[in-house]
Amino acid sequence: MLPTRLRKNTAVRNLIRETQLSMNDVVYPLFIVDGQGVRREISSMKEQYHLSLDMVAAETLALKELGIRYVILFGVPDVKDSEATPAFIDTGLVQEAIRVIKKTDPDMYVITDVCLCEFKSDGHCCFFEENGEIQREKTLKTLSKTALSYARAGADMVAPSDMMDGRIGHIRETLNDAGYESIPIMAYSAKFASSFYGPFRDAANSAPAFGDRRSYQMDPANSREALKEMMLDIDEGADIVMVKPAMPYLDIIAQGKELSYLPMAAYQVSGEYAMIKNAVDADLMDRRVIFESLISIKRAGADIIITYFAKELQAMLKDYQ
C-alpha cells in the first residue's frame, strides 16, 4: 500500500497514478438512419440516438464541444436486401455521413464499422450456401467493396467486425490496389458470440432472421483461440486489434496486449452500457462506476476504448482525476 502522504493529496495522486484516461482514448459510436429531422432515442440504450443525415452536422459540433475527436459509424437503412447493397453504394448512409462530418469538422477522425449485418435483410454478417456453409469468397469481396467505398468517401480508418477468416488480408489488398495504402485497419480480432450485444441489435435492427452467429463469432470460453485470431489478423496486415465485448474479457485484452506491439482496442458494448447506465439511473450504483469501468479497460491494456459513455468522460476527468 502507498504511504498516506502519497494518497492524501490530489496532485500527488495524479502524479503517481499508474493508469491515466484522456479524451484521446475514446471513440464514440454514431447510428445513422434514413429520414429527415430524426434524433430519436434508442429505446434499449438511454441517451443514445438514431440520427438522420441532416442532424449529423449539429451532432458533430456537439461532440467537438465535449472533447470527442473520434467517432465510429454504423448505418441503419430502412430498406435492406439479400446482397447488402446499402453497405457499399456511393450514396449509402455511412458514405454520406462521412462527407457531412468531414465538411463540418475536417479534424474529426472517422472510423467506419465494416460489416454486412446492418445492411442484409437476414441480419447476418456473411452469405450462405444452400447447405448452410458460409460463402467465404463472396463475403470477402462484398466486405472489401464496402471498405473501399468508405475510404473513397473520406473515412480515416476502417474496422471490419464480421469475423470472417481472411478478411483483413482481402481488405488490405483491395485498399492498396485502389491507392489507399494509408488507410489503417482496426480488426475486430476477438469478437465473442456474446449476449451483451442485445441493445445494439435493437439499435442497428440487425438481429439474425434465422440461427445465430456462433458459427463465425468466438466461443466465450476460449482464450487461446482469441490470441490465435489476433495473430492471424496481424499477419494479414491489421494495424490495430480489438477485443469485443470489453469488461467480461479483460483477461483477453491483457493477454493480447502482451502478444503484440500493435495498439489494442476494446469495445465497451451496448449491453455493458445499458447495465451500468440503468443501475446509475436507478441509484443502485454511484455515477463514478462509469469512470471505474473505463479505467479498468484501460488498465487491462486497451489503448483505444469504443464507448457510449464518451460524452460523459470530459466531465468525469475533471471530477474524478
Protein backbone atom coordinates (compact mmCIF):
# COMPACT_ATOMS: atom_id res chain seq x y z
CA MET A 1 0.00 0.00 0.00
CA LEU A 2 1.19 3.52 -0.79
CA PRO A 3 2.17 5.70 2.14
CA THR A 4 -0.61 8.02 3.31
CA ARG A 5 1.44 11.05 2.33
CA LEU A 6 1.22 9.88 -1.31
CA ARG A 7 -2.55 9.38 -1.19
CA LYS A 8 -3.91 12.33 0.75
CA ASN A 9 -3.20 14.99 -1.90
CA THR A 10 -4.94 15.07 -5.29
CA ALA A 11 -1.94 16.47 -7.13
CA VAL A 12 0.44 13.77 -5.94
CA ARG A 13 -2.16 11.05 -6.55
CA ASN A 14 -2.40 12.18 -10.16
CA LEU A 15 1.38 12.35 -10.41
CA ILE A 16 1.87 8.70 -9.42
CA ARG A 17 -1.30 7.22 -10.92
CA GLU A 18 -0.35 4.15 -12.94
CA THR A 19 -3.23 4.35 -15.43
CA GLN A 20 -4.49 7.57 -16.96
CA LEU A 21 -7.59 8.20 -19.06
CA SER A 22 -7.96 11.02 -21.55
CA MET A 23 -10.32 12.08 -24.31
CA ASN A 24 -7.74 10.72 -26.76
CA ASP A 25 -8.55 7.20 -25.52
CA VAL A 26 -12.22 7.08 -26.51
CA VAL A 27 -14.23 6.60 -29.69
CA TYR A 28 -17.95 7.41 -29.81
CA PRO A 29 -20.40 5.33 -31.89
CA LEU A 30 -22.98 7.02 -34.12
CA PHE A 31 -26.05 5.33 -35.66
CA ILE A 32 -27.13 6.87 -38.96
CA VAL A 33 -30.68 6.29 -40.24
CA ASP A 34 -32.91 7.33 -43.13
CA GLY A 35 -35.35 10.20 -42.87
CA GLN A 36 -35.35 13.90 -42.07
CA GLY A 37 -35.12 15.60 -38.71
CA VAL A 38 -34.56 12.33 -36.86
CA ARG A 39 -32.87 12.41 -33.46
CA ARG A 40 -34.65 9.50 -31.85
CA GLU A 41 -33.58 7.93 -28.57
CA ILE A 42 -32.80 4.23 -28.88
CA SER A 43 -35.27 2.52 -26.55
CA SER A 44 -32.78 -0.02 -25.18
CA MET A 45 -29.92 2.49 -24.83
CA LYS A 46 -30.86 5.59 -22.85
CA GLU A 47 -29.37 8.85 -24.16
CA GLN A 48 -28.12 7.21 -27.37
CA TYR A 49 -29.77 8.25 -30.60
CA HIS A 50 -30.59 7.38 -34.18
CA LEU A 51 -29.59 10.34 -36.35
CA SER A 52 -30.70 11.22 -39.86
CA LEU A 53 -28.11 12.76 -42.17
CA ASP A 54 -29.46 16.30 -41.71
CA MET A 55 -28.76 16.01 -37.98
CA VAL A 56 -25.18 14.78 -38.29
CA ALA A 57 -23.52 18.20 -38.65
CA ALA A 58 -25.03 19.51 -35.41
CA GLU A 59 -24.09 16.29 -33.62
CA THR A 60 -20.52 16.61 -34.89
CA LEU A 61 -20.19 20.11 -33.46
CA ALA A 62 -21.71 18.99 -30.16
CA LEU A 63 -19.22 16.14 -29.92
CA LYS A 64 -16.37 18.56 -30.59
CA GLU A 65 -17.53 20.73 -27.67
CA LEU A 66 -17.43 17.64 -25.45
CA GLY A 67 -13.83 16.94 -26.44
CA ILE A 68 -14.65 13.90 -28.60
CA ARG A 69 -12.30 13.66 -31.56
CA TYR A 70 -13.00 10.11 -32.79
CA VAL A 71 -16.25 8.52 -33.97
CA ILE A 72 -17.21 5.14 -35.43
CA LEU A 73 -20.18 4.99 -37.79
CA PHE A 74 -22.96 2.42 -38.15
CA GLY A 75 -25.59 2.66 -40.89
CA VAL A 76 -29.18 1.54 -40.27
CA PRO A 77 -31.11 1.87 -43.56
CA ASP A 78 -34.86 1.42 -43.76
CA VAL A 79 -34.54 -0.88 -46.77
CA LYS A 80 -32.13 -3.82 -46.73
CA ASP A 81 -31.61 -6.57 -49.28
CA SER A 82 -30.09 -10.02 -49.62
CA GLU A 83 -26.92 -8.63 -51.24
CA ALA A 84 -26.17 -5.95 -48.59
CA THR A 85 -26.30 -3.32 -51.34
CA PRO A 86 -26.83 -0.36 -48.96
CA ALA A 87 -23.42 -1.13 -47.42
CA PHE A 88 -21.35 -0.27 -50.47
CA ILE A 89 -23.29 2.11 -52.70
CA ASP A 90 -21.76 5.56 -53.08
CA THR A 91 -24.88 7.24 -51.70
CA GLY A 92 -25.18 4.95 -48.67
CA LEU A 93 -25.92 6.32 -45.20
CA VAL A 94 -22.40 5.78 -43.91
CA GLN A 95 -20.76 7.24 -47.01
CA GLU A 96 -22.92 10.35 -46.85
CA ALA A 97 -22.38 10.72 -43.10
CA ILE A 98 -18.61 10.64 -43.63
CA ARG A 99 -18.92 13.52 -46.08
CA VAL A 100 -21.11 15.55 -43.74
CA ILE A 101 -18.75 15.07 -40.80
CA LYS A 102 -15.65 15.91 -42.80
CA LYS A 103 -17.30 19.04 -44.22
CA THR A 104 -18.41 20.13 -40.74
CA ASP A 105 -15.17 19.32 -38.92
CA PRO A 106 -12.28 18.11 -41.10
CA ASP A 107 -10.33 17.19 -37.95
CA MET A 108 -12.93 14.74 -36.63
CA TYR A 109 -11.40 11.28 -37.07
CA VAL A 110 -13.94 9.00 -38.74
CA ILE A 111 -13.80 5.21 -38.34
CA THR A 112 -16.29 3.03 -40.16
CA ASP A 113 -17.52 -0.33 -38.96
CA VAL A 114 -17.29 -2.77 -41.88
CA CYS A 115 -19.92 -5.49 -41.68
CA LEU A 116 -22.97 -6.67 -43.58
CA CYS A 117 -25.43 -7.43 -40.76
CA GLU A 118 -26.84 -3.87 -40.69
CA PHE A 119 -27.48 -3.95 -44.44
CA LYS A 120 -28.52 -7.54 -45.20
CA SER A 121 -32.16 -8.48 -44.98
CA ASP A 122 -31.34 -11.63 -42.97
CA GLY A 123 -29.23 -9.77 -40.38
CA HIS A 124 -26.17 -11.98 -40.88
CA CYS A 125 -22.58 -10.84 -41.37
CA CYS A 126 -21.98 -13.16 -44.34
CA PHE A 127 -23.55 -15.01 -47.24
CA PHE A 128 -24.52 -18.67 -47.05
CA GLU A 129 -24.66 -21.61 -49.42
CA GLU A 130 -27.92 -23.57 -49.61
CA ASN A 131 -26.41 -26.20 -47.29
CA GLY A 132 -25.69 -23.56 -44.64
CA GLU A 133 -21.95 -23.24 -45.29
CA ILE A 134 -20.53 -19.71 -45.45
CA GLN A 135 -19.90 -18.34 -48.95
CA ARG A 136 -16.47 -17.08 -47.98
CA GLU A 137 -15.30 -15.63 -51.30
CA LYS A 138 -18.50 -13.67 -51.95
CA THR A 139 -18.48 -12.41 -48.37
CA LEU A 140 -14.88 -11.23 -48.56
CA LYS A 141 -15.46 -9.46 -51.88
CA THR A 142 -18.50 -7.65 -50.51
CA LEU A 143 -16.73 -6.64 -47.31
CA SER A 144 -13.77 -5.35 -49.30
CA LYS A 145 -16.06 -3.43 -51.66
CA THR A 146 -17.73 -1.86 -48.62
CA ALA A 147 -14.41 -0.87 -47.02
CA LEU A 148 -13.23 0.66 -50.28
CA SER A 149 -16.44 2.69 -50.63
CA TYR A 150 -15.89 4.12 -47.14
CA ALA A 151 -12.29 5.02 -47.96
CA ARG A 152 -13.40 6.77 -51.14
CA ALA A 153 -16.00 8.74 -49.16
CA GLY A 154 -13.25 10.04 -46.85
CA ALA A 155 -13.08 7.64 -43.89
CA ASP A 156 -9.84 7.79 -41.90
CA MET A 157 -9.93 4.14 -40.78
CA VAL A 158 -11.96 1.01 -41.49
CA ALA A 159 -12.89 -1.54 -38.83
CA PRO A 160 -14.03 -4.98 -40.08
CA SER A 161 -16.29 -6.56 -37.47
CA ASP A 162 -17.54 -9.63 -39.33
CA MET A 163 -15.05 -12.24 -38.04
CA MET A 164 -14.69 -13.92 -41.46
CA ASP A 165 -11.46 -15.84 -42.00
CA GLY A 166 -9.07 -13.94 -44.28
CA ARG A 167 -10.98 -10.68 -44.44
CA ILE A 168 -8.15 -8.47 -43.17
CA GLY A 169 -5.79 -9.58 -45.92
CA HIS A 170 -8.51 -9.26 -48.56
CA ILE A 171 -9.47 -5.75 -47.46
CA ARG A 172 -5.84 -4.67 -47.17
CA GLU A 173 -5.10 -5.84 -50.71
CA THR A 174 -8.23 -4.14 -52.05
CA LEU A 175 -7.39 -0.83 -50.39
CA ASN A 176 -3.78 -0.95 -51.51
CA ASP A 177 -4.68 -1.76 -55.11
CA ALA A 178 -7.01 1.26 -55.16
CA GLY A 179 -4.34 3.62 -53.80
CA TYR A 180 -5.48 3.68 -50.16
CA GLU A 181 -2.36 2.20 -48.57
CA SER A 182 -2.51 4.87 -45.85
CA ILE A 183 -5.95 3.82 -44.54
CA PRO A 184 -5.43 1.80 -41.32
CA ILE A 185 -7.43 -1.32 -40.50
CA MET A 186 -8.71 -1.84 -36.96
CA ALA A 187 -9.63 -5.52 -36.80
CA TYR A 188 -12.36 -6.87 -34.55
CA SER A 189 -9.99 -9.76 -33.92
CA ALA A 190 -11.55 -11.37 -30.84
CA LYS A 191 -15.27 -10.77 -31.22
CA PHE A 192 -17.13 -13.15 -28.98
CA ALA A 193 -20.61 -14.60 -29.59
CA SER A 194 -21.90 -12.61 -26.67
CA SER A 195 -25.28 -11.91 -25.08
CA PHE A 196 -24.05 -8.38 -24.36
CA TYR A 197 -24.94 -7.26 -27.91
CA GLY A 198 -28.70 -7.23 -27.37
CA PRO A 199 -29.29 -3.46 -27.25
CA PHE A 200 -27.02 -2.90 -30.27
CA ARG A 201 -29.08 -5.33 -32.35
CA ASP A 202 -32.11 -3.26 -31.42
CA ALA A 203 -30.26 -0.06 -32.38
CA ALA A 204 -28.98 -1.47 -35.68
CA ASN A 205 -32.04 -3.59 -36.46
CA SER A 206 -29.60 -6.43 -37.10
CA ALA A 207 -30.86 -9.45 -35.17
CA PRO A 208 -30.38 -12.58 -37.32
CA ALA A 209 -33.52 -13.71 -39.09
CA PHE A 210 -32.50 -17.35 -38.53
CA GLY A 211 -29.96 -19.18 -36.40
CA ASP A 212 -27.27 -17.21 -34.62
CA ARG A 213 -23.69 -16.04 -35.18
CA ARG A 214 -21.86 -18.70 -33.20
CA SER A 215 -20.55 -20.31 -36.39
CA TYR A 216 -18.36 -17.26 -37.08
CA GLN A 217 -18.05 -15.44 -33.75
CA MET A 218 -15.96 -16.76 -30.87
CA ASP A 219 -16.88 -19.08 -28.03
CA PRO A 220 -16.78 -17.06 -24.77
CA ALA A 221 -14.95 -19.99 -23.14
CA ASN A 222 -11.87 -19.74 -25.39
CA SER A 223 -8.89 -17.52 -24.67
CA ARG A 224 -6.16 -19.27 -26.67
CA GLU A 225 -8.35 -19.14 -29.75
CA ALA A 226 -8.72 -15.38 -29.23
CA LEU A 227 -4.96 -14.96 -29.25
CA LYS A 228 -4.71 -17.07 -32.40
CA GLU A 229 -7.32 -14.88 -34.11
CA MET A 230 -5.30 -11.81 -33.19
CA MET A 231 -2.10 -13.31 -34.61
CA LEU A 232 -3.86 -14.24 -37.86
CA ASP A 233 -5.17 -10.68 -38.26
CA ILE A 234 -1.75 -9.23 -37.51
CA ASP A 235 -0.17 -11.50 -40.10
CA GLU A 236 -2.75 -10.34 -42.66
CA GLY A 237 -1.95 -6.65 -42.11
CA ALA A 238 -4.11 -5.37 -39.27
CA ASP A 239 -2.88 -2.10 -37.77
CA ILE A 240 -4.94 -2.34 -34.56
CA VAL A 241 -6.54 -5.39 -32.95
CA MET A 242 -9.73 -5.33 -30.89
CA VAL A 243 -11.47 -7.33 -28.20
CA LYS A 244 -15.28 -7.18 -28.01
CA PRO A 245 -17.01 -7.03 -25.50
CA ALA A 246 -14.63 -5.35 -23.07
CA MET A 247 -15.30 -5.83 -19.35
CA PRO A 248 -16.22 -9.56 -19.45
CA TYR A 249 -13.00 -10.14 -21.43
CA LEU A 250 -10.42 -8.03 -19.61
CA ASP A 251 -8.20 -11.11 -19.43
CA ILE A 252 -8.21 -11.35 -23.23
CA ILE A 253 -7.28 -7.67 -23.53
CA ALA A 254 -4.37 -8.18 -21.14
CA GLN A 255 -3.14 -11.33 -22.87
CA GLY A 256 -3.50 -9.75 -26.29
CA LYS A 257 -1.51 -6.70 -25.20
CA GLU A 258 1.36 -8.99 -24.26
CA LEU A 259 1.13 -10.73 -27.63
CA SER A 260 1.97 -7.84 -29.93
CA TYR A 261 3.32 -4.32 -30.13
CA LEU A 262 0.23 -3.24 -32.09
CA PRO A 263 -2.30 -0.92 -30.44
CA MET A 264 -5.10 -2.70 -28.60
CA ALA A 265 -8.73 -1.57 -28.87
CA ALA A 266 -11.70 -2.68 -26.78
CA TYR A 267 -15.39 -2.13 -27.37
CA GLN A 268 -17.48 -1.45 -24.27
CA VAL A 269 -20.60 -2.75 -25.93
CA SER A 270 -24.28 -1.86 -25.71
CA GLY A 271 -25.11 -4.42 -23.01
CA GLU A 272 -22.30 -3.17 -20.79
CA TYR A 273 -23.52 0.39 -21.31
CA ALA A 274 -27.17 -0.46 -20.63
CA MET A 275 -26.42 -2.35 -17.40
CA ILE A 276 -24.26 0.41 -15.97
CA LYS A 277 -26.48 3.25 -17.19
CA ASN A 278 -29.66 1.69 -15.83
CA ALA A 279 -28.00 0.93 -12.48
CA VAL A 280 -26.76 4.51 -12.14
CA ASP A 281 -30.14 5.96 -13.11
CA ALA A 282 -31.82 3.72 -10.53
CA ASP A 283 -29.35 4.88 -7.83
CA LEU A 284 -28.11 1.32 -7.42
CA MET A 285 -24.56 2.49 -8.10
CA ASP A 286 -22.76 5.80 -7.92
CA ARG A 287 -22.04 7.56 -11.22
CA ARG A 288 -18.33 7.04 -10.54
CA VAL A 289 -18.81 3.42 -11.67
CA ILE A 290 -18.76 4.68 -15.26
CA PHE A 291 -15.26 6.04 -14.80
CA GLU A 292 -14.23 2.91 -12.94
CA SER A 293 -15.41 0.70 -15.80
CA LEU A 294 -13.41 2.70 -18.33
CA ILE A 295 -10.24 2.81 -16.23
CA SER A 296 -10.43 -0.97 -15.79
CA ILE A 297 -10.45 -1.44 -19.56
CA LYS A 298 -7.52 0.94 -19.96
CA ARG A 299 -5.64 -0.75 -17.10
CA ALA A 300 -6.09 -4.15 -18.75
CA GLY A 301 -4.17 -2.86 -21.76
CA ALA A 302 -6.57 -1.11 -24.13
CA ASP A 303 -5.12 1.89 -25.93
CA ILE A 304 -8.47 2.68 -27.56
CA ILE A 305 -11.92 2.31 -25.97
CA ILE A 306 -15.07 2.45 -28.06
CA THR A 307 -17.72 3.51 -25.58
CA TYR A 308 -21.19 5.03 -25.41
CA PHE A 309 -20.00 6.86 -22.29
CA ALA A 310 -17.59 9.06 -24.28
CA LYS A 311 -19.90 12.07 -23.96
CA GLU A 312 -19.63 11.90 -20.17
CA LEU A 313 -15.89 11.40 -19.93
CA GLN A 314 -14.76 15.02 -20.17
CA ALA A 315 -16.72 15.96 -17.04
CA MET A 316 -15.62 12.82 -15.24
CA LEU A 317 -11.97 13.58 -15.92
CA LYS A 318 -12.43 16.86 -14.07
CA ASP A 319 -14.39 15.31 -11.20
CA TYR A 320 -12.51 12.06 -10.60
CA GLN A 321 -8.87 12.55 -11.57
